[in-house]
Amino acid sequence: MLLALAFVPQADVISAFNELRRECPAELHGVYDEFKEFFIIGRPARGRRPATRPRYSISLLWNQYETAINKSHRTNNVSEGWHNRFRLVGKHHPDIYAAIGEIQKEQGYTEVCITELAMGEKG
């Protein structure tokens, strides 16, 4: 259920988390406490030790509510696909000619995509 918090509006994440925590089995309280520290509110102040913010910010890193509403990409699969297509990465010591060849292939692929989009095909 913790994964579902990624699709809750940011303003409601803390209250939704607290509700999930109340309803979870006792065996999972440790997991919820860790999640709360690293993803929800951080570590509270104790003694002379100051409070810390969560390591992974709700708004910047893991909340996908706005992304889902706007139907944007939720992952970096687009850039991963480009890296996999760009074969220079797999060579230990690429020379300039190999780099130029790969860039020319990429340019050709991009021009094909632009032509397809201009013709009304979905890429």
PDB file of N, CA and C in Angstrom:
ATOM      1  N   MET A   1       0.794  -1.194   0.000  1.00  0.00           N
ATOM      2  CA  MET A   1       0.000   0.000   0.000  1.00  0.00           C
ATOM      3  C   MET A   1       0.845   1.271   0.000  1.00  0.00           C
ATOM      4  N   LEU A   2       2.069   1.167   0.505  1.00  0.00           N
ATOM      5  CA  LEU A   2       2.930   2.352   0.529  1.00  0.00           C
ATOM      6  C   LEU A   2       3.199   2.875  -0.876  1.00  0.00           C
ATOM      7  N   LEU A   3       3.267   1.964  -1.837  1.00  0.00           N
ATOM      8  CA  LEU A   3       3.526   2.390  -3.217  1.00  0.00           C
ATOM      9  C   LEU A   3       2.406   3.267  -3.757  1.00  0.00           C
ATOM     10  N   ALA A   4       1.199   3.085  -3.270  1.00  0.00           N
ATOM     11  CA  ALA A   4       0.069   3.881  -3.736  1.00  0.00           C
ATOM     12  C   ALA A   4       0.207   5.341  -3.340  1.00  0.00           C
ATOM     13  N   LEU A   5       1.021   5.643  -2.330  1.00  0.00           N
ATOM     14  CA  LEU A   5       1.217   7.033  -1.912  1.00  0.00           C
ATOM     15  C   LEU A   5       1.811   7.891  -3.018  1.00  0.00           C
ATOM     16  N   ALA A   6       2.478   7.274  -3.966  1.00  0.00           N
ATOM     17  CA  ALA A   6       3.069   8.025  -5.074  1.00  0.00           C
ATOM     18  C   ALA A   6       2.012   8.689  -5.941  1.00  0.00           C
ATOM     19  N   PHE A   7       0.772   8.207  -5.856  1.00  0.00           N
ATOM     20  CA  PHE A   7      -0.292   8.737  -6.709  1.00  0.00           C
ATOM     21  C   PHE A   7      -1.357   9.495  -5.915  1.00  0.00           C
ATOM     22  N   VAL A   8      -1.017   9.887  -4.706  1.00  0.00           N
ATOM     23  CA  VAL A   8      -1.889  10.701  -3.856  1.00  0.00           C
ATOM     24  C   VAL A   8      -1.441  12.151  -4.020  1.00  0.00           C
ATOM     25  N   PRO A   9      -2.368  13.110  -4.067  1.00  0.00           N
ATOM     26  CA  PRO A   9      -1.936  14.517  -4.159  1.00  0.00           C
ATOM     27  C   PRO A   9      -0.965  14.861  -3.030  1.00  0.00           C
ATOM     28  N   GLN A  10       0.032  15.678  -3.347  1.00  0.00           N
ATOM     29  CA  GLN A  10       1.083  15.996  -2.374  1.00  0.00           C
ATOM     30  C   GLN A  10       0.533  16.513  -1.059  1.00  0.00           C
ATOM     31  N   ALA A  11      -0.509  17.320  -1.112  1.00  0.00           N
ATOM     32  CA  ALA A  11      -1.075  17.896   0.112  1.00  0.00           C
ATOM     33  C   ALA A  11      -1.698  16.826   1.005  1.00  0.00           C
ATOM     34  N   ASP A  12      -2.052  15.668   0.435  1.00  0.00           N
ATOM     35  CA  ASP A  12      -2.725  14.615   1.194  1.00  0.00           C
ATOM     36  C   ASP A  12      -1.820  13.444   1.555  1.00  0.00           C
ATOM     37  N   VAL A  13      -0.554  13.483   1.179  1.00  0.00           N
ATOM     38  CA  VAL A  13       0.334  12.344   1.392  1.00  0.00           C
ATOM     39  C   VAL A  13       0.482  12.024   2.872  1.00  0.00           C
ATOM     40  N   ILE A  14       0.717  13.016   3.706  1.00  0.00           N
ATOM     41  CA  ILE A  14       0.958  12.757   5.127  1.00  0.00           C
ATOM     42  C   ILE A  14      -0.284  12.161   5.788  1.00  0.00           C
ATOM     43  N   SER A  15      -1.455  12.707   5.510  1.00  0.00           N
ATOM     44  CA  SER A  15      -2.672  12.154   6.121  1.00  0.00           C
ATOM     45  C   SER A  15      -2.957  10.748   5.595  1.00  0.00           C
ATOM     46  N   ALA A  16      -2.723  10.497   4.311  1.00  0.00           N
ATOM     47  CA  ALA A  16      -2.923   9.154   3.756  1.00  0.00           C
ATOM     48  C   ALA A  16      -1.933   8.175   4.379  1.00  0.00           C
ATOM     49  N   PHE A  17      -0.685   8.614   4.567  1.00  0.00           N
ATOM     50  CA  PHE A  17       0.309   7.755   5.207  1.00  0.00           C
ATOM     51  C   PHE A  17      -0.119   7.412   6.628  1.00  0.00           C
ATOM     52  N   ASN A  18      -0.563   8.409   7.382  1.00  0.00           N
ATOM     53  CA  ASN A  18      -0.980   8.161   8.765  1.00  0.00           C
ATOM     54  C   ASN A  18      -2.158   7.195   8.823  1.00  0.00           C
ATOM     55  N   GLU A  19      -3.065   7.290   7.880  1.00  0.00           N
ATOM     56  CA  GLU A  19      -4.198   6.369   7.843  1.00  0.00           C
ATOM     57  C   GLU A  19      -3.736   4.950   7.532  1.00  0.00           C
ATOM     58  N   LEU A  20      -2.822   4.815   6.583  1.00  0.00           N
ATOM     59  CA  LEU A  20      -2.272   3.488   6.278  1.00  0.00           C
ATOM     60  C   LEU A  20      -1.538   2.912   7.486  1.00  0.00           C
ATOM     61  N   ARG A  21      -0.797   3.753   8.175  1.00  0.00           N
ATOM     62  CA  ARG A  21      -0.032   3.304   9.357  1.00  0.00           C
ATOM     63  C   ARG A  21      -0.968   2.794  10.447  1.00  0.00           C
ATOM     64  N   ARG A  22      -2.088   3.468  10.640  1.00  0.00           N
ATOM     65  CA  ARG A  22      -3.049   3.036  11.663  1.00  0.00           C
ATOM     66  C   ARG A  22      -3.642   1.671  11.333  1.00  0.00           C
ATOM     67  N   GLU A  23      -3.812   1.377  10.065  1.00  0.00           N
ATOM     68  CA  GLU A  23      -4.476   0.140   9.660  1.00  0.00           C
ATOM     69  C   GLU A  23      -3.519  -1.008   9.353  1.00  0.00           C
ATOM     70  N   CYS A  24      -2.209  -0.772   9.403  1.00  0.00           N
ATOM     71  CA  CYS A  24      -1.265  -1.830   9.052  1.00  0.00           C
ATOM     72  C   CYS A  24      -1.078  -2.793  10.230  1.00  0.00           C
ATOM     73  N   PRO A  25      -0.720  -4.040   9.945  1.00  0.00           N
ATOM     74  CA  PRO A  25      -0.451  -5.005  11.015  1.00  0.00           C
ATOM     75  C   PRO A  25       0.764  -4.568  11.844  1.00  0.00           C
ATOM     76  N   ALA A  26       0.806  -4.989  13.084  1.00  0.00           N
ATOM     77  CA  ALA A  26       1.880  -4.597  14.003  1.00  0.00           C
ATOM     78  C   ALA A  26       3.257  -5.014  13.483  1.00  0.00           C
ATOM     79  N   GLU A  27       3.319  -6.123  12.741  1.00  0.00           N
ATOM     80  CA  GLU A  27       4.618  -6.602  12.233  1.00  0.00           C
ATOM     81  C   GLU A  27       5.237  -5.613  11.243  1.00  0.00           C
ATOM     82  N   LEU A  28       4.434  -4.768  10.633  1.00  0.00           N
ATOM     83  CA  LEU A  28       4.932  -3.838   9.623  1.00  0.00           C
ATOM     84  C   LEU A  28       5.218  -2.443  10.161  1.00  0.00           C
ATOM     85  N   HIS A  29       5.027  -2.214  11.448  1.00  0.00           N
ATOM     86  CA  HIS A  29       5.243  -0.874  12.000  1.00  0.00           C
ATOM     87  C   HIS A  29       6.675  -0.398  11.793  1.00  0.00           C
ATOM     88  N   GLY A  30       7.645  -1.279  11.861  1.00  0.00           N
ATOM     89  CA  GLY A  30       9.038  -0.904  11.622  1.00  0.00           C
ATOM     90  C   GLY A  30       9.259  -0.419  10.197  1.00  0.00           C
ATOM     91  N   VAL A  31       8.642  -1.089   9.244  1.00  0.00           N
ATOM     92  CA  VAL A  31       8.753  -0.686   7.840  1.00  0.00           C
ATOM     93  C   VAL A  31       8.139   0.700   7.656  1.00  0.00           C
ATOM     94  N   TYR A  32       6.985   0.907   8.248  1.00  0.00           N
ATOM     95  CA  TYR A  32       6.313   2.200   8.140  1.00  0.00           C
ATOM     96  C   TYR A  32       7.121   3.309   8.808  1.00  0.00           C
ATOM     97  N   ASP A  33       7.756   2.990   9.939  1.00  0.00           N
ATOM     98  CA  ASP A  33       8.574   3.997  10.616  1.00  0.00           C
ATOM     99  C   ASP A  33       9.776   4.400   9.763  1.00  0.00           C
ATOM    100  N   GLU A  34      10.419   3.429   9.128  1.00  0.00           N
ATOM    101  CA  GLU A  34      11.539   3.740   8.229  1.00  0.00           C
ATOM    102  C   GLU A  34      11.060   4.575   7.041  1.00  0.00           C
ATOM    103  N   PHE A  35       9.934   4.190   6.477  1.00  0.00           N
ATOM    104  CA  PHE A  35       9.380   4.926   5.347  1.00  0.00           C
ATOM    105  C   PHE A  35       9.073   6.365   5.754  1.00  0.00           C
ATOM    106  N   LYS A  36       8.527   6.524   6.941  1.00  0.00           N
ATOM    107  CA  LYS A  36       8.194   7.859   7.440  1.00  0.00           C
ATOM    108  C   LYS A  36       9.448   8.718   7.564  1.00  0.00           C
ATOM    109  N   GLU A  37      10.528   8.125   8.054  1.00  0.00           N
ATOM    110  CA  GLU A  37      11.769   8.891   8.234  1.00  0.00           C
ATOM    111  C   GLU A  37      12.401   9.272   6.903  1.00  0.00           C
ATOM    112  N   PHE A  38      12.451   8.345   5.968  1.00  0.00           N
ATOM    113  CA  PHE A  38      13.174   8.598   4.722  1.00  0.00           C
ATOM    114  C   PHE A  38      12.340   9.266   3.629  1.00  0.00           C
ATOM    115  N   PHE A  39      11.002   9.097   3.681  1.00  0.00           N
ATOM    116  CA  PHE A  39      10.174   9.579   2.578  1.00  0.00           C
ATOM    117  C   PHE A  39       9.104  10.593   2.969  1.00  0.00           C
ATOM    118  N   ILE A  40       8.697  10.640   4.219  1.00  0.00           N
ATOM    119  CA  ILE A  40       7.549  11.466   4.583  1.00  0.00           C
ATOM    120  C   ILE A  40       7.938  12.716   5.366  1.00  0.00           C
ATOM    121  N   ILE A  41       8.418  12.560   6.601  1.00  0.00           N
ATOM    122  CA  ILE A  41       8.667  13.754   7.415  1.00  0.00           C
ATOM    123  C   ILE A  41      10.103  13.916   7.878  1.00  0.00           C
ATOM    124  N   GLY A  42      10.929  12.903   7.722  1.00  0.00           N
ATOM    125  CA  GLY A  42      12.307  13.015   8.188  1.00  0.00           C
ATOM    126  C   GLY A  42      12.450  12.545   9.625  1.00  0.00           C
ATOM    127  N   ARG A  43      13.511  12.973  10.254  1.00  0.00           N
ATOM    128  CA  ARG A  43      13.797  12.572  11.626  1.00  0.00           C
ATOM    129  C   ARG A  43      13.491  13.742  12.556  1.00  0.00           C
ATOM    130  N   PRO A  44      12.694  13.500  13.612  1.00  0.00           N
ATOM    131  CA  PRO A  44      12.380  14.596  14.536  1.00  0.00           C
ATOM    132  C   PRO A  44      13.599  14.965  15.392  1.00  0.00           C
ATOM    133  N   ALA A  45      13.577  16.182  15.918  1.00  0.00           N
ATOM    134  CA  ALA A  45      14.667  16.635  16.794  1.00  0.00           C
ATOM    135  C   ALA A  45      14.611  15.863  18.103  1.00  0.00           C
ATOM    136  N   ARG A  46      15.814  15.538  18.630  1.00  0.00           N
ATOM    137  CA  ARG A  46      15.914  14.876  19.925  1.00  0.00           C
ATOM    138  C   ARG A  46      17.094  15.454  20.674  1.00  0.00           C
ATOM    139  N   GLY A  47      16.827  15.990  21.852  1.00  0.00           N
ATOM    140  CA  GLY A  47      17.910  16.580  22.620  1.00  0.00           C
ATOM    141  C   GLY A  47      18.546  17.722  21.857  1.00  0.00           C
ATOM    142  N   ARG A  48      19.873  17.648  21.688  1.00  0.00           N
ATOM    143  CA  ARG A  48      20.588  18.690  20.950  1.00  0.00           C
ATOM    144  C   ARG A  48      20.676  18.399  19.457  1.00  0.00           C
ATOM    145  N   ARG A  49      20.233  17.209  19.068  1.00  0.00           N
ATOM    146  CA  ARG A  49      20.271  16.849  17.647  1.00  0.00           C
ATOM    147  C   ARG A  49      19.117  17.525  16.917  1.00  0.00           C
ATOM    148  N   PRO A  50      19.407  18.255  15.844  1.00  0.00           N
ATOM    149  CA  PRO A  50      18.335  18.956  15.118  1.00  0.00           C
ATOM    150  C   PRO A  50      17.488  17.982  14.290  1.00  0.00           C
ATOM    151  N   ALA A  51      16.311  18.417  13.968  1.00  0.00           N
ATOM    152  CA  ALA A  51      15.448  17.629  13.081  1.00  0.00           C
ATOM    153  C   ALA A  51      16.049  17.631  11.677  1.00  0.00           C
ATOM    154  N   THR A  52      15.790  16.568  10.938  1.00  0.00           N
ATOM    155  CA  THR A  52      16.251  16.496   9.551  1.00  0.00           C
ATOM    156  C   THR A  52      15.047  16.298   8.638  1.00  0.00           C
ATOM    157  N   ARG A  53      15.179  16.786   7.433  1.00  0.00           N
ATOM    158  CA  ARG A  53      14.132  16.594   6.433  1.00  0.00           C
ATOM    159  C   ARG A  53      14.250  15.179   5.870  1.00  0.00           C
ATOM    160  N   PRO A  54      13.194  14.702   5.211  1.00  0.00           N
ATOM    161  CA  PRO A  54      13.282  13.369   4.607  1.00  0.00           C
ATOM    162  C   PRO A  54      14.360  13.333   3.535  1.00  0.00           C
ATOM    163  N   ARG A  55      15.012  12.203   3.424  1.00  0.00           N
ATOM    164  CA  ARG A  55      16.085  12.057   2.441  1.00  0.00           C
ATOM    165  C   ARG A  55      15.553  12.185   1.013  1.00  0.00           C
ATOM    166  N   TYR A  56      14.352  11.666   0.787  1.00  0.00           N
ATOM    167  CA  TYR A  56      13.759  11.685  -0.544  1.00  0.00           C
ATOM    168  C   TYR A  56      12.507  12.556  -0.500  1.00  0.00           C
ATOM    169  N   SER A  57      12.596  13.725  -1.064  1.00  0.00           N
ATOM    170  CA  SER A  57      11.530  14.719  -1.008  1.00  0.00           C
ATOM    171  C   SER A  57      10.270  14.243  -1.732  1.00  0.00           C
ATOM    172  N   ILE A  58       9.130  14.489  -1.108  1.00  0.00           N
ATOM    173  CA  ILE A  58       7.849  14.109  -1.711  1.00  0.00           C
ATOM    174  C   ILE A  58       7.660  14.821  -3.043  1.00  0.00           C
ATOM    175  N   SER A  59       7.836  16.121  -3.034  1.00  0.00           N
ATOM    176  CA  SER A  59       7.521  16.897  -4.235  1.00  0.00           C
ATOM    177  C   SER A  59       8.537  16.735  -5.348  1.00  0.00           C
ATOM    178  N   LEU A  60       9.788  16.514  -5.008  1.00  0.00           N
ATOM    179  CA  LEU A  60      10.817  16.494  -6.049  1.00  0.00           C
ATOM    180  C   LEU A  60      11.108  15.108  -6.607  1.00  0.00           C
ATOM    181  N   LEU A  61      10.982  14.084  -5.790  1.00  0.00           N
ATOM    182  CA  LEU A  61      11.508  12.808  -6.237  1.00  0.00           C
ATOM    183  C   LEU A  61      10.492  11.702  -6.493  1.00  0.00           C
ATOM    184  N   TRP A  62       9.548  11.516  -5.608  1.00  0.00           N
ATOM    185  CA  TRP A  62       8.781  10.293  -5.770  1.00  0.00           C
ATOM    186  C   TRP A  62       7.284  10.472  -5.954  1.00  0.00           C
ATOM    187  N   ASN A  63       6.725  11.623  -5.729  1.00  0.00           N
ATOM    188  CA  ASN A  63       5.290  11.776  -5.922  1.00  0.00           C
ATOM    189  C   ASN A  63       4.989  11.946  -7.406  1.00  0.00           C
ATOM    190  N   GLN A  64       4.113  11.101  -7.913  1.00  0.00           N
ATOM    191  CA  GLN A  64       3.805  11.074  -9.342  1.00  0.00           C
ATOM    192  C   GLN A  64       2.377  11.523  -9.652  1.00  0.00           C
ATOM    193  N   TYR A  65       1.699  12.145  -8.698  1.00  0.00           N
ATOM    194  CA  TYR A  65       0.303  12.534  -8.891  1.00  0.00           C
ATOM    195  C   TYR A  65       0.135  13.469 -10.087  1.00  0.00           C
ATOM    196  N   GLU A  66       0.885  14.567 -10.092  1.00  0.00           N
ATOM    197  CA  GLU A  66       0.766  15.536 -11.201  1.00  0.00           C
ATOM    198  C   GLU A  66       1.185  14.908 -12.524  1.00  0.00           C
ATOM    199  N   THR A  67       2.195  14.073 -12.485  1.00  0.00           N
ATOM    200  CA  THR A  67       2.665  13.410 -13.698  1.00  0.00           C
ATOM    201  C   THR A  67       1.574  12.518 -14.275  1.00  0.00           C
ATOM    202  N   ALA A  68       0.885  11.797 -13.399  1.00  0.00           N
ATOM    203  CA  ALA A  68      -0.191  10.916 -13.855  1.00  0.00           C
ATOM    204  C   ALA A  68      -1.372  11.726 -14.393  1.00  0.00           C
ATOM    205  N   ILE A  69      -1.709  12.815 -13.719  1.00  0.00           N
ATOM    206  CA  ILE A  69      -2.822  13.656 -14.174  1.00  0.00           C
ATOM    207  C   ILE A  69      -2.518  14.259 -15.542  1.00  0.00           C
ATOM    208  N   ASN A  70      -1.266  14.695 -15.744  1.00  0.00           N
ATOM    209  CA  ASN A  70      -0.863  15.318 -17.006  1.00  0.00           C
ATOM    210  C   ASN A  70      -0.486  14.300 -18.081  1.00  0.00           C
ATOM    211  N   LYS A  71      -0.521  13.013 -17.726  1.00  0.00           N
ATOM    212  CA  LYS A  71      -0.152  11.919 -18.635  1.00  0.00           C
ATOM    213  C   LYS A  71       1.258  12.098 -19.192  1.00  0.00           C
ATOM    214  N   SER A  72       2.173  12.503 -18.323  1.00  0.00           N
ATOM    215  CA  SER A  72       3.576  12.656 -18.700  1.00  0.00           C
ATOM    216  C   SER A  72       4.314  11.343 -18.448  1.00  0.00           C
ATOM    217  N   HIS A  73       5.561  11.286 -18.877  1.00  0.00           N
ATOM    218  CA  HIS A  73       6.384  10.108 -18.612  1.00  0.00           C
ATOM    219  C   HIS A  73       6.698  10.039 -17.129  1.00  0.00           C
ATOM    220  N   ARG A  74       6.514   8.870 -16.542  1.00  0.00           N
ATOM    221  CA  ARG A  74       6.809   8.691 -15.122  1.00  0.00           C
ATOM    222  C   ARG A  74       8.199   8.103 -14.909  1.00  0.00           C
ATOM    223  N   THR A  75       8.808   7.632 -15.942  1.00  0.00           N
ATOM    224  CA  THR A  75      10.127   7.019 -15.822  1.00  0.00           C
ATOM    225  C   THR A  75      11.077   7.689 -16.800  1.00  0.00           C
ATOM    226  N   ASN A  76      12.302   7.251 -16.771  1.00  0.00           N
ATOM    227  CA  ASN A  76      13.285   7.760 -17.713  1.00  0.00           C
ATOM    228  C   ASN A  76      13.501   6.769 -18.855  1.00  0.00           C
ATOM    229  N   ASN A  77      12.473   5.966 -19.171  1.00  0.00           N
ATOM    230  CA  ASN A  77      12.600   4.977 -20.237  1.00  0.00           C
ATOM    231  C   ASN A  77      12.909   5.609 -21.582  1.00  0.00           C
ATOM    232  N   VAL A  78      12.452   6.827 -21.802  1.00  0.00           N
ATOM    233  CA  VAL A  78      12.719   7.501 -23.076  1.00  0.00           C
ATOM    234  C   VAL A  78      14.226   7.692 -23.245  1.00  0.00           C
ATOM    235  N   SER A  79      14.871   8.210 -22.220  1.00  0.00           N
ATOM    236  CA  SER A  79      16.320   8.415 -22.321  1.00  0.00           C
ATOM    237  C   SER A  79      17.069   7.086 -22.285  1.00  0.00           C
ATOM    238  N   GLU A  80      16.552   6.096 -21.563  1.00  0.00           N
ATOM    239  CA  GLU A  80      17.197   4.788 -21.554  1.00  0.00           C
ATOM    240  C   GLU A  80      17.156   4.165 -22.946  1.00  0.00           C
ATOM    241  N   GLY A  81      16.032   4.324 -23.641  1.00  0.00           N
ATOM    242  CA  GLY A  81      15.935   3.808 -25.001  1.00  0.00           C
ATOM    243  C   GLY A  81      16.944   4.467 -25.919  1.00  0.00           C
ATOM    244  N   TRP A  82      17.138   5.767 -25.751  1.00  0.00           N
ATOM    245  CA  TRP A  82      18.122   6.473 -26.566  1.00  0.00           C
ATOM    246  C   TRP A  82      19.527   5.953 -26.264  1.00  0.00           C
ATOM    247  N   HIS A  83      19.840   5.762 -25.002  1.00  0.00           N
ATOM    248  CA  HIS A  83      21.168   5.265 -24.656  1.00  0.00           C
ATOM    249  C   HIS A  83      21.404   3.867 -25.227  1.00  0.00           C
ATOM    250  N   ASN A  84      20.379   3.029 -25.193  1.00  0.00           N
ATOM    251  CA  ASN A  84      20.529   1.689 -25.749  1.00  0.00           C
ATOM    252  C   ASN A  84      20.694   1.729 -27.260  1.00  0.00           C
ATOM    253  N   ARG A  85      20.054   2.673 -27.916  1.00  0.00           N
ATOM    254  CA  ARG A  85      20.174   2.804 -29.363  1.00  0.00           C
ATOM    255  C   ARG A  85      21.531   3.387 -29.748  1.00  0.00           C
ATOM    256  N   PHE A  86      22.074   4.227 -28.927  1.00  0.00           N
ATOM    257  CA  PHE A  86      23.348   4.888 -29.209  1.00  0.00           C
ATOM    258  C   PHE A  86      24.466   3.944 -28.786  1.00  0.00           C
ATOM    259  N   ARG A  87      25.031   3.209 -29.697  1.00  0.00           N
ATOM    260  CA  ARG A  87      25.931   2.087 -29.411  1.00  0.00           C
ATOM    261  C   ARG A  87      27.338   2.472 -28.954  1.00  0.00           C
ATOM    262  N   LEU A  88      27.681   3.732 -28.962  1.00  0.00           N
ATOM    263  CA  LEU A  88      29.018   4.141 -28.548  1.00  0.00           C
ATOM    264  C   LEU A  88      29.321   3.754 -27.114  1.00  0.00           C
ATOM    265  N   VAL A  89      28.291   3.692 -26.300  1.00  0.00           N
ATOM    266  CA  VAL A  89      28.490   3.420 -24.880  1.00  0.00           C
ATOM    267  C   VAL A  89      29.099   2.047 -24.663  1.00  0.00           C
ATOM    268  N   GLY A  90      28.805   1.090 -25.532  1.00  0.00           N
ATOM    269  CA  GLY A  90      29.296  -0.267 -25.362  1.00  0.00           C
ATOM    270  C   GLY A  90      30.749  -0.467 -25.750  1.00  0.00           C
ATOM    271  N   LYS A  91      31.387   0.531 -26.312  1.00  0.00           N
ATOM    272  CA  LYS A  91      32.788   0.385 -26.741  1.00  0.00           C
ATOM    273  C   LYS A  91      33.709   0.967 -25.681  1.00  0.00           C
ATOM    274  N   HIS A  92      34.781   0.244 -25.411  1.00  0.00           N
ATOM    275  CA  HIS A  92      35.723   0.694 -24.378  1.00  0.00           C
ATOM    276  C   HIS A  92      36.529   1.907 -24.818  1.00  0.00           C
ATOM    277  N   HIS A  93      36.995   1.895 -26.061  1.00  0.00           N
ATOM    278  CA  HIS A  93      37.828   3.002 -26.558  1.00  0.00           C
ATOM    279  C   HIS A  93      37.350   3.406 -27.949  1.00  0.00           C
ATOM    280  N   PRO A  94      36.203   4.085 -28.036  1.00  0.00           N
ATOM    281  CA  PRO A  94      35.706   4.458 -29.366  1.00  0.00           C
ATOM    282  C   PRO A  94      36.598   5.524 -29.996  1.00  0.00           C
ATOM    283  N   ASP A  95      36.809   5.374 -31.295  1.00  0.00           N
ATOM    284  CA  ASP A  95      37.578   6.407 -31.991  1.00  0.00           C
ATOM    285  C   ASP A  95      36.617   7.433 -32.575  1.00  0.00           C
ATOM    286  N   ILE A  96      37.149   8.475 -33.140  1.00  0.00           N
ATOM    287  CA  ILE A  96      36.329   9.581 -33.651  1.00  0.00           C
ATOM    288  C   ILE A  96      35.436   9.126 -34.805  1.00  0.00           C
ATOM    289  N   TYR A  97      35.909   8.185 -35.621  1.00  0.00           N
ATOM    290  CA  TYR A  97      35.123   7.716 -36.751  1.00  0.00           C
ATOM    291  C   TYR A  97      33.903   6.921 -36.282  1.00  0.00           C
ATOM    292  N   ALA A  98      34.074   6.112 -35.248  1.00  0.00           N
ATOM    293  CA  ALA A  98      32.943   5.373 -34.688  1.00  0.00           C
ATOM    294  C   ALA A  98      31.926   6.350 -34.102  1.00  0.00           C
ATOM    295  N   ALA A  99      32.405   7.380 -33.417  1.00  0.00           N
ATOM    296  CA  ALA A  99      31.507   8.381 -32.834  1.00  0.00           C
ATOM    297  C   ALA A  99      30.736   9.118 -33.925  1.00  0.00           C
ATOM    298  N   ILE A 100      31.423   9.520 -34.981  1.00  0.00           N
ATOM    299  CA  ILE A 100      30.755  10.224 -36.081  1.00  0.00           C
ATOM    300  C   ILE A 100      29.723   9.317 -36.752  1.00  0.00           C
ATOM    301  N   GLY A 101      30.064   8.052 -36.940  1.00  0.00           N
ATOM    302  CA  GLY A 101      29.120   7.103 -37.536  1.00  0.00           C
ATOM    303  C   GLY A 101      27.860   6.941 -36.699  1.00  0.00           C
ATOM    304  N   GLU A 102      28.020   6.844 -35.387  1.00  0.00           N
ATOM    305  CA  GLU A 102      26.859   6.705 -34.505  1.00  0.00           C
ATOM    306  C   GLU A 102      26.015   7.974 -34.490  1.00  0.00           C
ATOM    307  N   ILE A 103      26.650   9.118 -34.512  1.00  0.00           N
ATOM    308  CA  ILE A 103      25.909  10.390 -34.549  1.00  0.00           C
ATOM    309  C   ILE A 103      25.136  10.506 -35.858  1.00  0.00           C
ATOM    310  N   GLN A 104      25.737  10.064 -36.984  1.00  0.00           N
ATOM    311  CA  GLN A 104      25.036  10.097 -38.272  1.00  0.00           C
ATOM    312  C   GLN A 104      23.824   9.158 -38.270  1.00  0.00           C
ATOM    313  N   LYS A 105      23.977   7.971 -37.660  1.00  0.00           N
ATOM    314  CA  LYS A 105      22.842   7.058 -37.553  1.00  0.00           C
ATOM    315  C   LYS A 105      21.721   7.680 -36.727  1.00  0.00           C
ATOM    316  N   GLU A 106      22.087   8.322 -35.645  1.00  0.00           N
ATOM    317  CA  GLU A 106      21.096   8.972 -34.782  1.00  0.00           C
ATOM    318  C   GLU A 106      20.388  10.095 -35.526  1.00  0.00           C
ATOM    319  N   GLN A 107      21.139  10.869 -36.301  1.00  0.00           N
ATOM    320  CA  GLN A 107      20.543  11.942 -37.093  1.00  0.00           C
ATOM    321  C   GLN A 107      19.548  11.368 -38.103  1.00  0.00           C
ATOM    322  N   GLY A 108      19.922  10.266 -38.747  1.00  0.00           N
ATOM    323  CA  GLY A 108      19.015   9.625 -39.700  1.00  0.00           C
ATOM    324  C   GLY A 108      17.740   9.137 -39.022  1.00  0.00           C
ATOM    325  N   TYR A 109      17.885   8.540 -37.850  1.00  0.00           N
ATOM    326  CA  TYR A 109      16.724   8.067 -37.106  1.00  0.00           C
ATOM    327  C   TYR A 109      15.817   9.241 -36.719  1.00  0.00           C
ATOM    328  N   THR A 110      16.421  10.333 -36.285  1.00  0.00           N
ATOM    329  CA  THR A 110      15.652  11.514 -35.898  1.00  0.00           C
ATOM    330  C   THR A 110      14.898  12.085 -37.098  1.00  0.00           C
ATOM    331  N   GLU A 111      15.542  12.131 -38.250  1.00  0.00           N
ATOM    332  CA  GLU A 111      14.874  12.644 -39.445  1.00  0.00           C
ATOM    333  C   GLU A 111      13.706  11.756 -39.859  1.00  0.00           C
ATOM    334  N   VAL A 112      13.849  10.444 -39.709  1.00  0.00           N
ATOM    335  CA  VAL A 112      12.747   9.529 -40.009  1.00  0.00           C
ATOM    336  C   VAL A 112      11.586   9.784 -39.057  1.00  0.00           C
ATOM    337  N   CYS A 113      11.876   9.962 -37.778  1.00  0.00           N
ATOM    338  CA  CYS A 113      10.826  10.250 -36.786  1.00  0.00           C
ATOM    339  C   CYS A 113      10.102  11.553 -37.102  1.00  0.00           C
ATOM    340  N   ILE A 114      10.852  12.573 -37.490  1.00  0.00           N
ATOM    341  CA  ILE A 114      10.242  13.869 -37.826  1.00  0.00           C
ATOM    342  C   ILE A 114       9.338  13.715 -39.052  1.00  0.00           C
ATOM    343  N   THR A 115       9.795  12.973 -40.054  1.00  0.00           N
ATOM    344  CA  THR A 115       8.987  12.755 -41.257  1.00  0.00           C
ATOM    345  C   THR A 115       7.707  11.997 -40.916  1.00  0.00           C
ATOM    346  N   GLU A 116       7.814  10.970 -40.081  1.00  0.00           N
ATOM    347  CA  GLU A 116       6.636  10.198 -39.678  1.00  0.00           C
ATOM    348  C   GLU A 116       5.645  11.080 -38.929  1.00  0.00           C
ATOM    349  N   LEU A 117       6.137  11.907 -38.040  1.00  0.00           N
ATOM    350  CA  LEU A 117       5.257  12.804 -37.301  1.00  0.00           C
ATOM    351  C   LEU A 117       4.574  13.810 -38.233  1.00  0.00           C
ATOM    352  N   ALA A 118       5.305  14.294 -39.232  1.00  0.00           N
ATOM    353  CA  ALA A 118       4.737  15.250 -40.194  1.00  0.00           C
ATOM    354  C   ALA A 118       3.664  14.586 -41.033  1.00  0.00           C
ATOM    355  N   MET A 119       3.791  13.275 -41.263  1.00  0.00           N
ATOM    356  CA  MET A 119       2.801  12.545 -42.051  1.00  0.00           C
ATOM    357  C   MET A 119       1.602  12.120 -41.199  1.00  0.00           C
ATOM    358  N   GLY A 120       1.677  12.358 -39.901  1.00  0.00           N
ATOM    359  CA  GLY A 120       0.546  12.033 -39.034  1.00  0.00           C
ATOM    360  C   GLY A 120       0.662  10.713 -38.324  1.00  0.00           C
ATOM    361  N   GLU A 121       1.781  10.014 -38.444  1.00  0.00           N
ATOM    362  CA  GLU A 121       1.969   8.749 -37.732  1.00  0.00           C
ATOM    363  C   GLU A 121       2.421   9.037 -36.313  1.00  0.00           C
ATOM    364  N   LYS A 122       2.037   8.152 -35.420  1.00  0.00           N
ATOM    365  CA  LYS A 122       2.480   8.314 -34.025  1.00  0.00           C
ATOM    366  C   LYS A 122       3.800   7.586 -33.849  1.00  0.00           C
ATOM    367  N   GLY A 123       4.756   8.284 -33.175  1.00  0.00           N
ATOM    368  CA  GLY A 123       6.094   7.720 -32.983  1.00  0.00           C
ATOM    369  C   GLY A 123       6.254   6.878 -31.805  1.00  0.00           C
TER     370      GLY A 123
END
